[in-house]
């Protein structure tokens, strides 16, 4: 397969926003599919102190070709000043699934 598949992740402290970020990315064909994990507890440094928050992890299945557009879209729609944005390479998987991700993210 010529295109690489990646999983990109962000988080949100609002379940409604997590749903919007997931659904919008799929509707825009920026991601083939998205998982929203049940609430997790995050601890992090912010403005000089340790914070704790309940968050939903949003994982996008996409291609390296669509990744820049997905990242720009998420940053535009996200309410955080500095949203988490990480990408994880997919180093294997079923050919059928990987092909599906590619086909569903092809821009029209």
PDB file of N, CA and C in Angstrom:
ATOM      1  N   UNK A   1       0.852  -1.180   0.000  1.00  0.00           N
ATOM      2  CA  UNK A   1       0.000   0.000   0.000  1.00  0.00           C
ATOM      3  C   UNK A   1       0.892   1.235   0.000  1.00  0.00           C
ATOM      4  N   UNK A   2       0.659   2.136  -0.903  1.00  0.00           N
ATOM      5  CA  UNK A   2       1.505   3.311  -1.077  1.00  0.00           C
ATOM      6  C   UNK A   2       1.334   4.328   0.040  1.00  0.00           C
ATOM      7  N   UNK A   3       0.153   4.384   0.631  1.00  0.00           N
ATOM      8  CA  UNK A   3      -0.124   5.381   1.644  1.00  0.00           C
ATOM      9  C   UNK A   3      -0.041   4.736   3.015  1.00  0.00           C
ATOM     10  N   UNK A   4       0.497   5.465   3.959  1.00  0.00           N
ATOM     11  CA  UNK A   4       0.608   4.945   5.308  1.00  0.00           C
ATOM     12  C   UNK A   4      -0.628   5.304   6.109  1.00  0.00           C
ATOM     13  N   UNK A   5      -1.009   4.398   6.986  1.00  0.00           N
ATOM     14  CA  UNK A   5      -2.140   4.608   7.883  1.00  0.00           C
ATOM     15  C   UNK A   5      -1.580   5.043   9.233  1.00  0.00           C
ATOM     16  N   UNK A   6      -2.251   6.000   9.852  1.00  0.00           N
ATOM     17  CA  UNK A   6      -1.858   6.478  11.174  1.00  0.00           C
ATOM     18  C   UNK A   6      -3.096   6.596  12.055  1.00  0.00           C
ATOM     19  N   UNK A   7      -2.847   6.590  13.346  1.00  0.00           N
ATOM     20  CA  UNK A   7      -3.874   6.917  14.322  1.00  0.00           C
ATOM     21  C   UNK A   7      -3.451   8.235  14.941  1.00  0.00           C
ATOM     22  N   UNK A   8      -4.319   9.226  14.866  1.00  0.00           N
ATOM     23  CA  UNK A   8      -4.061  10.536  15.464  1.00  0.00           C
ATOM     24  C   UNK A   8      -4.975  10.674  16.672  1.00  0.00           C
ATOM     25  N   UNK A   9      -4.461  11.304  17.735  1.00  0.00           N
ATOM     26  CA  UNK A   9      -5.261  11.414  18.947  1.00  0.00           C
ATOM     27  C   UNK A   9      -5.287  12.825  19.493  1.00  0.00           C
ATOM     28  N   UNK A  10      -6.447  13.149  20.067  1.00  0.00           N
ATOM     29  CA  UNK A  10      -6.617  14.362  20.844  1.00  0.00           C
ATOM     30  C   UNK A  10      -7.520  14.003  22.009  1.00  0.00           C
ATOM     31  N   UNK A  11      -7.786  14.961  22.884  1.00  0.00           N
ATOM     32  CA  UNK A  11      -8.699  14.761  23.998  1.00  0.00           C
ATOM     33  C   UNK A  11      -9.603  15.980  24.113  1.00  0.00           C
ATOM     34  N   UNK A  12     -10.705  15.804  24.821  1.00  0.00           N
ATOM     35  CA  UNK A  12     -11.622  16.909  25.096  1.00  0.00           C
ATOM     36  C   UNK A  12     -12.206  16.713  26.484  1.00  0.00           C
ATOM     37  N   UNK A  13     -12.454  17.805  27.179  1.00  0.00           N
ATOM     38  CA  UNK A  13     -13.088  17.704  28.500  1.00  0.00           C
ATOM     39  C   UNK A  13     -14.612  17.796  28.410  1.00  0.00           C
ATOM     40  N   UNK A  14     -15.148  17.733  27.192  1.00  0.00           N
ATOM     41  CA  UNK A  14     -16.583  17.836  26.974  1.00  0.00           C
ATOM     42  C   UNK A  14     -17.021  16.724  26.030  1.00  0.00           C
ATOM     43  N   UNK A  15     -17.911  15.857  26.486  1.00  0.00           N
ATOM     44  CA  UNK A  15     -18.340  14.723  25.657  1.00  0.00           C
ATOM     45  C   UNK A  15     -19.012  15.180  24.367  1.00  0.00           C
ATOM     46  N   UNK A  16     -19.787  16.255  24.438  1.00  0.00           N
ATOM     47  CA  UNK A  16     -20.434  16.775  23.236  1.00  0.00           C
ATOM     48  C   UNK A  16     -19.426  17.249  22.210  1.00  0.00           C
ATOM     49  N   UNK A  17     -18.383  17.927  22.684  1.00  0.00           N
ATOM     50  CA  UNK A  17     -17.350  18.370  21.754  1.00  0.00           C
ATOM     51  C   UNK A  17     -16.604  17.171  21.174  1.00  0.00           C
ATOM     52  N   UNK A  18     -16.346  16.163  22.001  1.00  0.00           N
ATOM     53  CA  UNK A  18     -15.681  14.957  21.500  1.00  0.00           C
ATOM     54  C   UNK A  18     -16.497  14.320  20.380  1.00  0.00           C
ATOM     55  N   UNK A  19     -17.805  14.257  20.571  1.00  0.00           N
ATOM     56  CA  UNK A  19     -18.689  13.694  19.552  1.00  0.00           C
ATOM     57  C   UNK A  19     -18.649  14.529  18.277  1.00  0.00           C
ATOM     58  N   UNK A  20     -18.676  15.849  18.413  1.00  0.00           N
ATOM     59  CA  UNK A  20     -18.607  16.735  17.247  1.00  0.00           C
ATOM     60  C   UNK A  20     -17.283  16.568  16.512  1.00  0.00           C
ATOM     61  N   UNK A  21     -16.177  16.486  17.270  1.00  0.00           N
ATOM     62  CA  UNK A  21     -14.857  16.325  16.650  1.00  0.00           C
ATOM     63  C   UNK A  21     -14.747  14.978  15.935  1.00  0.00           C
ATOM     64  N   UNK A  22     -15.404  13.973  16.456  1.00  0.00           N
ATOM     65  CA  UNK A  22     -15.385  12.651  15.828  1.00  0.00           C
ATOM     66  C   UNK A  22     -16.254  12.631  14.577  1.00  0.00           C
ATOM     67  N   UNK A  23     -17.500  12.993  14.732  1.00  0.00           N
ATOM     68  CA  UNK A  23     -18.451  12.932  13.615  1.00  0.00           C
ATOM     69  C   UNK A  23     -18.038  13.847  12.466  1.00  0.00           C
ATOM     70  N   UNK A  24     -17.610  15.055  12.777  1.00  0.00           N
ATOM     71  CA  UNK A  24     -17.219  16.007  11.747  1.00  0.00           C
ATOM     72  C   UNK A  24     -16.044  15.530  10.917  1.00  0.00           C
ATOM     73  N   UNK A  25     -15.087  14.880  11.571  1.00  0.00           N
ATOM     74  CA  UNK A  25     -13.924  14.370  10.833  1.00  0.00           C
ATOM     75  C   UNK A  25     -14.319  13.260   9.872  1.00  0.00           C
ATOM     76  N   UNK A  26     -15.239  12.399  10.302  1.00  0.00           N
ATOM     77  CA  UNK A  26     -15.699  11.317   9.423  1.00  0.00           C
ATOM     78  C   UNK A  26     -16.535  11.894   8.282  1.00  0.00           C
ATOM     79  N   UNK A  27     -17.457  12.801   8.610  1.00  0.00           N
ATOM     80  CA  UNK A  27     -18.288  13.408   7.566  1.00  0.00           C
ATOM     81  C   UNK A  27     -17.446  14.139   6.523  1.00  0.00           C
ATOM     82  N   UNK A  28     -16.330  14.724   6.951  1.00  0.00           N
ATOM     83  CA  UNK A  28     -15.441  15.455   6.052  1.00  0.00           C
ATOM     84  C   UNK A  28     -14.446  14.544   5.338  1.00  0.00           C
ATOM     85  N   UNK A  29     -14.522  13.237   5.609  1.00  0.00           N
ATOM     86  CA  UNK A  29     -13.600  12.248   5.034  1.00  0.00           C
ATOM     87  C   UNK A  29     -12.147  12.512   5.417  1.00  0.00           C
ATOM     88  N   UNK A  30     -11.955  13.170   6.559  1.00  0.00           N
ATOM     89  CA  UNK A  30     -10.605  13.369   7.082  1.00  0.00           C
ATOM     90  C   UNK A  30     -10.143  12.140   7.853  1.00  0.00           C
ATOM     91  N   UNK A  31     -11.084  11.344   8.310  1.00  0.00           N
ATOM     92  CA  UNK A  31     -10.800  10.088   9.000  1.00  0.00           C
ATOM     93  C   UNK A  31     -11.809   9.058   8.529  1.00  0.00           C
ATOM     94  N   UNK A  32     -11.360   7.818   8.421  1.00  0.00           N
ATOM     95  CA  UNK A  32     -12.267   6.739   8.022  1.00  0.00           C
ATOM     96  C   UNK A  32     -13.153   6.339   9.187  1.00  0.00           C
ATOM     97  N   UNK A  33     -12.612   6.405  10.371  1.00  0.00           N
ATOM     98  CA  UNK A  33     -13.344   6.046  11.574  1.00  0.00           C
ATOM     99  C   UNK A  33     -12.708   6.732  12.768  1.00  0.00           C
ATOM    100  N   UNK A  34     -13.488   6.859  13.824  1.00  0.00           N
ATOM    101  CA  UNK A  34     -13.014   7.520  15.039  1.00  0.00           C
ATOM    102  C   UNK A  34     -13.537   6.753  16.241  1.00  0.00           C
ATOM    103  N   UNK A  35     -12.686   6.580  17.233  1.00  0.00           N
ATOM    104  CA  UNK A  35     -13.108   6.004  18.510  1.00  0.00           C
ATOM    105  C   UNK A  35     -13.070   7.098  19.568  1.00  0.00           C
ATOM    106  N   UNK A  36     -14.075   7.101  20.422  1.00  0.00           N
ATOM    107  CA  UNK A  36     -14.067   7.967  21.593  1.00  0.00           C
ATOM    108  C   UNK A  36     -14.024   7.041  22.793  1.00  0.00           C
ATOM    109  N   UNK A  37     -12.960   7.139  23.579  1.00  0.00           N
ATOM    110  CA  UNK A  37     -12.826   6.316  24.775  1.00  0.00           C
ATOM    111  C   UNK A  37     -13.635   6.910  25.915  1.00  0.00           C
ATOM    112  N   UNK A  38     -14.083   6.024  26.800  1.00  0.00           N
ATOM    113  CA  UNK A  38     -14.810   6.442  27.997  1.00  0.00           C
ATOM    114  C   UNK A  38     -13.978   7.467  28.770  1.00  0.00           C
ATOM    115  N   UNK A  39     -14.622   8.241  29.617  1.00  0.00           N
ATOM    116  CA  UNK A  39     -13.860   9.270  30.330  1.00  0.00           C
ATOM    117  C   UNK A  39     -12.622   8.704  31.020  1.00  0.00           C
ATOM    118  N   UNK A  40     -11.546   9.444  30.878  1.00  0.00           N
ATOM    119  CA  UNK A  40     -10.271   9.126  31.523  1.00  0.00           C
ATOM    120  C   UNK A  40      -9.914  10.308  32.410  1.00  0.00           C
ATOM    121  N   UNK A  41      -9.011  10.095  33.343  1.00  0.00           N
ATOM    122  CA  UNK A  41      -8.534  11.196  34.173  1.00  0.00           C
ATOM    123  C   UNK A  41      -7.148  11.582  33.697  1.00  0.00           C
ATOM    124  N   UNK A  42      -6.985  12.847  33.386  1.00  0.00           N
ATOM    125  CA  UNK A  42      -5.699  13.358  32.907  1.00  0.00           C
ATOM    126  C   UNK A  42      -5.086  14.256  33.981  1.00  0.00           C
ATOM    127  N   UNK A  43      -3.797  14.127  34.182  1.00  0.00           N
ATOM    128  CA  UNK A  43      -3.026  15.018  35.046  1.00  0.00           C
ATOM    129  C   UNK A  43      -1.963  15.660  34.177  1.00  0.00           C
ATOM    130  N   UNK A  44      -1.772  16.977  34.306  1.00  0.00           N
ATOM    131  CA  UNK A  44      -0.835  17.679  33.450  1.00  0.00           C
ATOM    132  C   UNK A  44      -0.467  19.026  34.066  1.00  0.00           C
ATOM    133  N   UNK A  45       0.672  19.549  33.629  1.00  0.00           N
ATOM    134  CA  UNK A  45       1.081  20.892  34.013  1.00  0.00           C
ATOM    135  C   UNK A  45       0.390  21.901  33.113  1.00  0.00           C
ATOM    136  N   UNK A  46      -0.166  22.957  33.710  1.00  0.00           N
ATOM    137  CA  UNK A  46      -0.756  24.045  32.938  1.00  0.00           C
ATOM    138  C   UNK A  46      -0.620  25.325  33.736  1.00  0.00           C
ATOM    139  N   UNK A  47       0.066  26.295  33.130  1.00  0.00           N
ATOM    140  CA  UNK A  47       0.270  27.613  33.720  1.00  0.00           C
ATOM    141  C   UNK A  47       0.846  27.525  35.128  1.00  0.00           C
ATOM    142  N   UNK A  48       1.877  26.684  35.274  1.00  0.00           N
ATOM    143  CA  UNK A  48       2.642  26.602  36.513  1.00  0.00           C
ATOM    144  C   UNK A  48       2.090  25.715  37.603  1.00  0.00           C
ATOM    145  N   UNK A  49       1.013  24.998  37.354  1.00  0.00           N
ATOM    146  CA  UNK A  49       0.506  24.101  38.390  1.00  0.00           C
ATOM    147  C   UNK A  49      -0.040  22.814  37.774  1.00  0.00           C
ATOM    148  N   UNK A  50      -0.130  21.808  38.613  1.00  0.00           N
ATOM    149  CA  UNK A  50      -0.648  20.519  38.168  1.00  0.00           C
ATOM    150  C   UNK A  50      -2.175  20.583  38.169  1.00  0.00           C
ATOM    151  N   UNK A  51      -2.742  20.217  37.045  1.00  0.00           N
ATOM    152  CA  UNK A  51      -4.193  20.186  36.872  1.00  0.00           C
ATOM    153  C   UNK A  51      -4.656  18.741  36.723  1.00  0.00           C
ATOM    154  N   UNK A  52      -5.921  18.511  37.000  1.00  0.00           N
ATOM    155  CA  UNK A  52      -6.550  17.209  36.758  1.00  0.00           C
ATOM    156  C   UNK A  52      -7.859  17.482  36.038  1.00  0.00           C
ATOM    157  N   UNK A  53      -8.181  16.644  35.082  1.00  0.00           N
ATOM    158  CA  UNK A  53      -9.417  16.832  34.332  1.00  0.00           C
ATOM    159  C   UNK A  53      -9.966  15.490  33.891  1.00  0.00           C
ATOM    160  N   UNK A  54     -11.266  15.439  33.746  1.00  0.00           N
ATOM    161  CA  UNK A  54     -11.933  14.290  33.142  1.00  0.00           C
ATOM    162  C   UNK A  54     -11.995  14.582  31.648  1.00  0.00           C
ATOM    163  N   UNK A  55     -11.487  13.656  30.842  1.00  0.00           N
ATOM    164  CA  UNK A  55     -11.422  13.884  29.397  1.00  0.00           C
ATOM    165  C   UNK A  55     -11.859  12.640  28.635  1.00  0.00           C
ATOM    166  N   UNK A  56     -12.207  12.865  27.382  1.00  0.00           N
ATOM    167  CA  UNK A  56     -12.520  11.794  26.449  1.00  0.00           C
ATOM    168  C   UNK A  56     -11.401  11.768  25.405  1.00  0.00           C
ATOM    169  N   UNK A  57     -10.796  10.596  25.189  1.00  0.00           N
ATOM    170  CA  UNK A  57      -9.744  10.450  24.180  1.00  0.00           C
ATOM    171  C   UNK A  57     -10.395  10.155  22.841  1.00  0.00           C
ATOM    172  N   UNK A  58      -9.985  10.886  21.823  1.00  0.00           N
ATOM    173  CA  UNK A  58     -10.540  10.751  20.477  1.00  0.00           C
ATOM    174  C   UNK A  58      -9.421  10.237  19.575  1.00  0.00           C
ATOM    175  N   UNK A  59      -9.626   9.071  18.980  1.00  0.00           N
ATOM    176  CA  UNK A  59      -8.611   8.444  18.127  1.00  0.00           C
ATOM    177  C   UNK A  59      -9.142   8.370  16.700  1.00  0.00           C
ATOM    178  N   UNK A  60      -8.403   8.978  15.787  1.00  0.00           N
ATOM    179  CA  UNK A  60      -8.782   9.048  14.377  1.00  0.00           C
ATOM    180  C   UNK A  60      -7.965   8.046  13.575  1.00  0.00           C
ATOM    181  N   UNK A  61      -8.626   7.253  12.720  1.00  0.00           N
ATOM    182  CA  UNK A  61      -7.943   6.374  11.785  1.00  0.00           C
ATOM    183  C   UNK A  61      -7.917   7.097  10.444  1.00  0.00           C
ATOM    184  N   UNK A  62      -6.708   7.402   9.982  1.00  0.00           N
ATOM    185  CA  UNK A  62      -6.583   8.180   8.752  1.00  0.00           C
ATOM    186  C   UNK A  62      -5.295   7.804   8.029  1.00  0.00           C
ATOM    187  N   UNK A  63      -5.010   8.529   6.954  1.00  0.00           N
ATOM    188  CA  UNK A  63      -3.784   8.296   6.192  1.00  0.00           C
ATOM    189  C   UNK A  63      -2.827   9.470   6.383  1.00  0.00           C
ATOM    190  N   UNK A  64      -1.575   9.229   6.074  1.00  0.00           N
ATOM    191  CA  UNK A  64      -0.595  10.317   6.166  1.00  0.00           C
ATOM    192  C   UNK A  64      -0.933  11.433   5.185  1.00  0.00           C
ATOM    193  N   UNK A  65      -1.588  11.098   4.068  1.00  0.00           N
ATOM    194  CA  UNK A  65      -1.992  12.122   3.103  1.00  0.00           C
ATOM    195  C   UNK A  65      -3.038  13.064   3.683  1.00  0.00           C
ATOM    196  N   UNK A  66      -3.960  12.549   4.477  1.00  0.00           N
ATOM    197  CA  UNK A  66      -5.053  13.361   5.029  1.00  0.00           C
ATOM    198  C   UNK A  66      -4.693  13.984   6.377  1.00  0.00           C
ATOM    199  N   UNK A  67      -3.599  13.539   6.965  1.00  0.00           N
ATOM    200  CA  UNK A  67      -3.231  13.991   8.308  1.00  0.00           C
ATOM    201  C   UNK A  67      -3.089  15.506   8.439  1.00  0.00           C
ATOM    202  N   UNK A  68      -2.403  16.209   7.546  1.00  0.00           N
ATOM    203  CA  UNK A  68      -2.291  17.665   7.705  1.00  0.00           C
ATOM    204  C   UNK A  68      -3.652  18.369   7.711  1.00  0.00           C
ATOM    205  N   UNK A  69      -4.558  17.948   6.840  1.00  0.00           N
ATOM    206  CA  UNK A  69      -5.889  18.562   6.804  1.00  0.00           C
ATOM    207  C   UNK A  69      -6.674  18.232   8.071  1.00  0.00           C
ATOM    208  N   UNK A  70      -6.547  17.002   8.567  1.00  0.00           N
ATOM    209  CA  UNK A  70      -7.221  16.624   9.807  1.00  0.00           C
ATOM    210  C   UNK A  70      -6.690  17.443  10.977  1.00  0.00           C
ATOM    211  N   UNK A  71      -5.387  17.573  11.054  1.00  0.00           N
ATOM    212  CA  UNK A  71      -4.790  18.350  12.152  1.00  0.00           C
ATOM    213  C   UNK A  71      -5.273  19.803  12.118  1.00  0.00           C
ATOM    214  N   UNK A  72      -5.270  20.417  10.962  1.00  0.00           N
ATOM    215  CA  UNK A  72      -5.741  21.805  10.842  1.00  0.00           C
ATOM    216  C   UNK A  72      -7.210  21.904  11.235  1.00  0.00           C
ATOM    217  N   UNK A  73      -8.026  20.959  10.810  1.00  0.00           N
ATOM    218  CA  UNK A  73      -9.448  20.961  11.122  1.00  0.00           C
ATOM    219  C   UNK A  73      -9.677  20.830  12.627  1.00  0.00           C
ATOM    220  N   UNK A  74      -8.973  19.876  13.261  1.00  0.00           N
ATOM    221  CA  UNK A  74      -9.130  19.678  14.708  1.00  0.00           C
ATOM    222  C   UNK A  74      -8.716  20.939  15.453  1.00  0.00           C
ATOM    223  N   UNK A  75      -7.574  21.531  15.094  1.00  0.00           N
ATOM    224  CA  UNK A  75      -7.127  22.738  15.793  1.00  0.00           C
ATOM    225  C   UNK A  75      -8.107  23.898  15.603  1.00  0.00           C
ATOM    226  N   UNK A  76      -8.731  23.975  14.452  1.00  0.00           N
ATOM    227  CA  UNK A  76      -9.714  25.030  14.200  1.00  0.00           C
ATOM    228  C   UNK A  76     -10.975  24.841  15.044  1.00  0.00           C
ATOM    229  N   UNK A  77     -11.410  23.588  15.223  1.00  0.00           N
ATOM    230  CA  UNK A  77     -12.672  23.293  15.906  1.00  0.00           C
ATOM    231  C   UNK A  77     -12.525  23.104  17.414  1.00  0.00           C
ATOM    232  N   UNK A  78     -11.321  22.812  17.886  1.00  0.00           N
ATOM    233  CA  UNK A  78     -11.098  22.445  19.285  1.00  0.00           C
ATOM    234  C   UNK A  78     -11.167  23.669  20.194  1.00  0.00           C
ATOM    235  N   UNK A  79     -11.680  23.473  21.404  1.00  0.00           N
ATOM    236  CA  UNK A  79     -11.813  24.587  22.350  1.00  0.00           C
ATOM    237  C   UNK A  79     -10.550  24.823  23.184  1.00  0.00           C
ATOM    238  N   UNK A  80      -9.629  23.877  23.230  1.00  0.00           N
ATOM    239  CA  UNK A  80      -8.415  24.040  24.043  1.00  0.00           C
ATOM    240  C   UNK A  80      -7.456  25.022  23.390  1.00  0.00           C
ATOM    241  N   UNK A  81      -6.712  25.766  24.211  1.00  0.00           N
ATOM    242  CA  UNK A  81      -5.640  26.630  23.700  1.00  0.00           C
ATOM    243  C   UNK A  81      -4.549  25.781  23.050  1.00  0.00           C
ATOM    244  N   UNK A  82      -4.206  24.675  23.702  1.00  0.00           N
ATOM    245  CA  UNK A  82      -3.164  23.763  23.206  1.00  0.00           C
ATOM    246  C   UNK A  82      -3.707  22.341  23.285  1.00  0.00           C
ATOM    247  N   UNK A  83      -4.480  21.920  22.271  1.00  0.00           N
ATOM    248  CA  UNK A  83      -5.008  20.556  22.326  1.00  0.00           C
ATOM    249  C   UNK A  83      -3.909  19.525  22.126  1.00  0.00           C
ATOM    250  N   UNK A  84      -4.078  18.406  22.815  1.00  0.00           N
ATOM    251  CA  UNK A  84      -3.159  17.285  22.562  1.00  0.00           C
ATOM    252  C   UNK A  84      -3.289  16.916  21.093  1.00  0.00           C
ATOM    253  N   UNK A  85      -2.172  16.685  20.438  1.00  0.00           N
ATOM    254  CA  UNK A  85      -2.185  16.178  19.069  1.00  0.00           C
ATOM    255  C   UNK A  85      -0.977  15.296  18.904  1.00  0.00           C
ATOM    256  N   UNK A  86      -1.226  13.999  18.841  1.00  0.00           N
ATOM    257  CA  UNK A  86      -0.141  13.046  18.615  1.00  0.00           C
ATOM    258  C   UNK A  86      -0.565  12.093  17.512  1.00  0.00           C
ATOM    259  N   UNK A  87       0.420  11.525  16.844  1.00  0.00           N
ATOM    260  CA  UNK A  87       0.130  10.523  15.824  1.00  0.00           C
ATOM    261  C   UNK A  87       0.928   9.268  16.129  1.00  0.00           C
ATOM    262  N   UNK A  88       0.302   8.161  15.856  1.00  0.00           N
ATOM    263  CA  UNK A  88       0.910   6.853  16.091  1.00  0.00           C
ATOM    264  C   UNK A  88       0.953   6.103  14.771  1.00  0.00           C
ATOM    265  N   UNK A  89       2.116   5.614  14.371  1.00  0.00           N
ATOM    266  CA  UNK A  89       2.173   4.871  13.109  1.00  0.00           C
ATOM    267  C   UNK A  89       1.480   3.523  13.249  1.00  0.00           C
ATOM    268  N   UNK A  90       0.807   3.109  12.210  1.00  0.00           N
ATOM    269  CA  UNK A  90       0.228   1.774  12.166  1.00  0.00           C
ATOM    270  C   UNK A  90       1.229   0.917  11.413  1.00  0.00           C
ATOM    271  N   UNK A  91       1.808  -0.046  12.105  1.00  0.00           N
ATOM    272  CA  UNK A  91       2.874  -0.857  11.509  1.00  0.00           C
ATOM    273  C   UNK A  91       2.377  -2.192  10.979  1.00  0.00           C
ATOM    274  N   UNK A  92       1.093  -2.429  11.140  1.00  0.00           N
ATOM    275  CA  UNK A  92       0.531  -3.674  10.634  1.00  0.00           C
ATOM    276  C   UNK A  92      -0.972  -3.665  10.804  1.00  0.00           C
ATOM    277  N   UNK A  93      -1.592  -4.679  10.262  1.00  0.00           N
ATOM    278  CA  UNK A  93      -3.042  -4.804  10.352  1.00  0.00           C
ATOM    279  C   UNK A  93      -3.550  -5.575   9.161  1.00  0.00           C
ATOM    280  N   UNK A  94      -4.841  -5.863   9.182  1.00  0.00           N
ATOM    281  CA  UNK A  94      -5.396  -6.622   8.067  1.00  0.00           C
ATOM    282  C   UNK A  94      -5.416  -5.740   6.818  1.00  0.00           C
ATOM    283  N   UNK A  95      -5.063  -6.329   5.709  1.00  0.00           N
ATOM    284  CA  UNK A  95      -5.047  -5.595   4.437  1.00  0.00           C
ATOM    285  C   UNK A  95      -6.423  -5.022   4.130  1.00  0.00           C
ATOM    286  N   UNK A  96      -7.483  -5.766   4.456  1.00  0.00           N
ATOM    287  CA  UNK A  96      -8.842  -5.293   4.191  1.00  0.00           C
ATOM    288  C   UNK A  96      -9.141  -4.031   4.998  1.00  0.00           C
ATOM    289  N   UNK A  97      -8.766  -4.019   6.267  1.00  0.00           N
ATOM    290  CA  UNK A  97      -9.025  -2.841   7.111  1.00  0.00           C
ATOM    291  C   UNK A  97      -8.200  -1.649   6.639  1.00  0.00           C
ATOM    292  N   UNK A  98      -6.928  -1.861   6.381  1.00  0.00           N
ATOM    293  CA  UNK A  98      -6.061  -0.765   5.946  1.00  0.00           C
ATOM    294  C   UNK A  98      -6.538  -0.197   4.611  1.00  0.00           C
ATOM    295  N   UNK A  99      -6.998  -1.061   3.720  1.00  0.00           N
ATOM    296  CA  UNK A  99      -7.541  -0.592   2.442  1.00  0.00           C
ATOM    297  C   UNK A  99      -8.805   0.224   2.662  1.00  0.00           C
ATOM    298  N   UNK A 100      -9.641  -0.202   3.595  1.00  0.00           N
ATOM    299  CA  UNK A 100     -10.870   0.529   3.913  1.00  0.00           C
ATOM    300  C   UNK A 100     -10.540   1.940   4.412  1.00  0.00           C
ATOM    301  N   UNK A 101      -9.553   2.061   5.302  1.00  0.00           N
ATOM    302  CA  UNK A 101      -9.167   3.388   5.804  1.00  0.00           C
ATOM    303  C   UNK A 101      -8.746   4.270   4.631  1.00  0.00           C
ATOM    304  N   UNK A 102      -7.924   3.742   3.754  1.00  0.00           N
ATOM    305  CA  UNK A 102      -7.479   4.508   2.593  1.00  0.00           C
ATOM    306  C   UNK A 102      -8.652   4.927   1.711  1.00  0.00           C
ATOM    307  N   UNK A 103      -9.535   3.978   1.395  1.00  0.00           N
ATOM    308  CA  UNK A 103     -10.662   4.270   0.497  1.00  0.00           C
ATOM    309  C   UNK A 103     -11.604   5.320   1.087  1.00  0.00           C
ATOM    310  N   UNK A 104     -11.844   5.250   2.387  1.00  0.00           N
ATOM    311  CA  UNK A 104     -12.798   6.170   3.021  1.00  0.00           C
ATOM    312  C   UNK A 104     -12.241   7.565   3.253  1.00  0.00           C
ATOM    313  N   UNK A 105     -10.943   7.724   3.111  1.00  0.00           N
ATOM    314  CA  UNK A 105     -10.351   9.055   3.312  1.00  0.00           C
ATOM    315  C   UNK A 105      -9.896   9.702   2.020  1.00  0.00           C
ATOM    316  N   UNK A 106     -10.142   9.030   0.903  1.00  0.00           N
ATOM    317  CA  UNK A 106      -9.797   9.650  -0.387  1.00  0.00           C
ATOM    318  C   UNK A 106     -10.650  10.901  -0.565  1.00  0.00           C
ATOM    319  N   UNK A 107      -9.994  11.992  -0.897  1.00  0.00           N
ATOM    320  CA  UNK A 107     -10.763  13.217  -1.133  1.00  0.00           C
ATOM    321  C   UNK A 107     -11.455  13.115  -2.481  1.00  0.00           C
ATOM    322  N   UNK A 108     -12.618  13.713  -2.549  1.00  0.00           N
ATOM    323  CA  UNK A 108     -13.408  13.672  -3.787  1.00  0.00           C
ATOM    324  C   UNK A 108     -12.834  14.546  -4.861  1.00  0.00           C
TER     325      UNK A 108
END
